[in-house]
Amino acid sequence: MGTDKVAGKVYAVLDSNALLQIYRGVGLFEQIEESLDVKPIYVCPDAVLKELEDIESRGGELSRAARLALEVATGICSELETGEKSGDNSVIKAALELQEEGSKVLVVTSDRELRKRLRTLGIKTVYYRESQHRFEVEVKDVL
């Protein structure tokens, strides 16, 4: 993984809205790694990829953003089967399963409601701060 500072694996579970930021020119993976000072294992739950496929099929600019997000995600992320239909529920389930295995887990999202749900479950987030046009780690002592 490229660091001696981390005992165990560090996973970043990606939500669809975070992946869509790539189309806007946001250096998603670079910003995550810079904030964490580690290269995590990137995971995309099955329902998140399905959400992006559904958005892609609609046409328009958002469709182009979803197509790019899918191309990047399938090249960088490991897909995790959750059996959930909802993207948000699949993100939560993936994060909880990885935590139960003893891994350090962060969820990457720009969805405020999802962040609230994650916070109540004790799951740390990396979130998109619109005012600064960048992703930031919710709590610096995650690792």
Protein backbone atom coordinates (compact mmCIF):
# COMPACT_ATOMS: atom_id res chain seq x y z
CA MET A 1 0.00 0.00 0.00
CA GLY A 2 2.88 2.37 0.20
CA THR A 3 3.00 3.34 3.88
CA ASP A 4 4.54 1.92 7.02
CA LYS A 5 2.36 4.09 9.26
CA VAL A 6 -0.81 2.03 8.87
CA ALA A 7 -1.39 -1.30 10.55
CA GLY A 8 -4.09 -3.19 8.64
CA LYS A 9 -5.88 -2.17 5.52
CA VAL A 10 -7.45 1.20 4.82
CA TYR A 11 -10.52 1.21 2.59
CA ALA A 12 -12.24 4.15 0.91
CA VAL A 13 -15.84 3.29 -0.02
CA LEU A 14 -16.96 5.57 -2.84
CA ASP A 15 -20.44 6.98 -3.30
CA SER A 16 -21.75 7.86 -6.77
CA ASN A 17 -21.90 11.61 -6.13
CA ALA A 18 -18.22 11.63 -5.17
CA LEU A 19 -17.30 9.82 -8.39
CA LEU A 20 -19.38 12.29 -10.43
CA GLN A 21 -17.10 15.11 -9.20
CA ILE A 22 -14.35 13.74 -11.46
CA TYR A 23 -16.21 15.16 -14.48
CA ARG A 24 -15.93 18.62 -12.93
CA GLY A 25 -12.16 18.27 -12.85
CA VAL A 26 -11.85 17.39 -9.17
CA GLY A 27 -8.77 15.27 -8.46
CA LEU A 28 -10.73 12.85 -6.31
CA PHE A 29 -8.11 10.17 -5.71
CA GLU A 30 -5.23 12.61 -5.42
CA GLN A 31 -7.09 14.66 -2.83
CA ILE A 32 -8.04 11.60 -0.79
CA GLU A 33 -4.47 10.30 -0.75
CA GLU A 34 -3.08 13.74 0.06
CA SER A 35 -5.51 14.15 2.96
CA LEU A 36 -4.84 10.68 4.35
CA ASP A 37 -1.13 10.47 3.57
CA VAL A 38 -1.83 6.90 2.44
CA LYS A 39 -3.20 5.20 -0.66
CA PRO A 40 -6.34 3.35 0.45
CA ILE A 41 -7.97 0.41 -1.28
CA TYR A 42 -10.84 1.93 -3.27
CA VAL A 43 -14.16 0.10 -3.15
CA CYS A 44 -17.37 0.73 -5.11
CA PRO A 45 -20.46 -1.08 -3.89
CA ASP A 46 -22.54 -2.81 -6.58
CA ALA A 47 -25.53 -0.49 -6.17
CA VAL A 48 -23.31 2.59 -6.63
CA LEU A 49 -22.11 1.27 -9.98
CA LYS A 50 -25.73 0.47 -10.91
CA GLU A 51 -26.73 4.05 -10.02
CA LEU A 52 -24.03 5.38 -12.33
CA GLU A 53 -25.18 3.05 -15.13
CA ASP A 54 -28.75 4.30 -14.68
CA ILE A 55 -27.61 7.94 -14.82
CA GLU A 56 -25.50 7.21 -17.90
CA SER A 57 -28.52 5.83 -19.76
CA ARG A 58 -30.51 9.08 -19.34
CA GLY A 59 -28.47 11.20 -21.76
CA GLY A 60 -27.23 14.75 -21.35
CA GLU A 61 -24.28 16.20 -19.48
CA LEU A 62 -24.91 14.18 -16.34
CA SER A 63 -24.82 11.08 -18.52
CA ARG A 64 -21.34 12.02 -19.70
CA ALA A 65 -20.26 12.57 -16.09
CA ALA A 66 -21.60 9.12 -15.15
CA ARG A 67 -19.83 7.50 -18.09
CA LEU A 68 -16.50 9.01 -17.01
CA ALA A 69 -17.16 8.04 -13.37
CA LEU A 70 -17.84 4.45 -14.43
CA GLU A 71 -14.70 4.28 -16.56
CA VAL A 72 -12.56 5.56 -13.70
CA ALA A 73 -14.28 3.45 -11.04
CA THR A 74 -13.97 0.21 -12.96
CA GLY A 75 -10.28 0.90 -13.52
CA ILE A 76 -9.38 1.86 -9.96
CA CYS A 77 -11.98 0.37 -7.60
CA SER A 78 -12.80 -3.11 -6.46
CA GLU A 79 -16.51 -3.86 -6.75
CA LEU A 80 -18.14 -5.08 -3.55
CA GLU A 81 -21.38 -7.06 -3.78
CA THR A 82 -23.81 -5.94 -1.09
CA GLY A 83 -27.15 -7.12 -2.44
CA GLU A 84 -28.64 -3.70 -1.66
CA LYS A 85 -30.77 -1.80 -4.19
CA SER A 86 -30.07 1.68 -2.81
CA GLY A 87 -26.68 3.26 -3.38
CA ASP A 88 -26.65 4.81 0.09
CA ASN A 89 -27.61 1.54 1.77
CA SER A 90 -24.94 -0.32 -0.19
CA VAL A 91 -22.30 2.22 0.89
CA ILE A 92 -23.30 1.80 4.54
CA LYS A 93 -23.40 -1.99 4.30
CA ALA A 94 -19.99 -2.11 2.59
CA ALA A 95 -18.44 0.18 5.21
CA LEU A 96 -19.88 -1.81 8.10
CA GLU A 97 -18.76 -5.14 6.63
CA LEU A 98 -15.22 -3.89 6.13
CA GLN A 99 -15.12 -2.46 9.66
CA GLU A 100 -16.30 -5.77 11.08
CA GLU A 101 -13.29 -7.39 9.40
CA GLY A 102 -11.05 -5.05 11.41
CA SER A 103 -10.21 -2.69 8.55
CA LYS A 104 -10.04 1.08 8.76
CA VAL A 105 -12.83 2.51 6.60
CA LEU A 106 -13.76 5.91 5.24
CA VAL A 107 -16.72 6.72 3.03
CA VAL A 108 -16.16 9.27 0.27
CA THR A 109 -19.32 11.26 -0.43
CA SER A 110 -20.78 14.71 -0.95
CA ASP A 111 -24.25 13.63 0.25
CA ARG A 112 -25.14 15.42 3.50
CA GLU A 113 -27.91 13.02 4.46
CA LEU A 114 -25.65 10.03 3.96
CA ARG A 115 -22.94 11.72 6.05
CA LYS A 116 -25.44 12.14 8.90
CA ARG A 117 -26.39 8.47 8.74
CA LEU A 118 -22.72 7.44 8.66
CA ARG A 119 -21.89 9.67 11.61
CA THR A 120 -24.56 8.00 13.75
CA LEU A 121 -22.95 4.64 12.91
CA GLY A 122 -19.46 5.88 13.79
CA ILE A 123 -18.19 5.69 10.21
CA LYS A 124 -15.71 8.40 9.20
CA THR A 125 -16.11 10.28 5.94
CA VAL A 126 -14.15 12.13 3.32
CA TYR A 127 -16.52 14.78 2.00
CA TYR A 128 -16.56 17.31 -0.78
CA ARG A 129 -16.32 20.87 0.48
CA GLU A 130 -17.95 22.90 -2.29
CA SER A 131 -16.59 26.24 -1.04
CA GLN A 132 -13.01 24.98 -1.34
CA HIS A 133 -13.57 22.71 -4.35
CA ARG A 134 -11.89 19.78 -2.64
CA PHE A 135 -12.44 16.63 -0.62
CA GLU A 136 -11.51 16.69 3.06
CA VAL A 137 -11.21 14.05 5.73
CA GLU A 138 -13.84 14.49 8.43
CA VAL A 139 -11.50 13.55 11.28
CA LYS A 140 -7.72 13.69 10.88
CA ASP A 141 -7.04 10.89 13.36
CA VAL A 142 -8.88 8.26 11.33
CA LEU A 143 -5.78 6.17 10.84
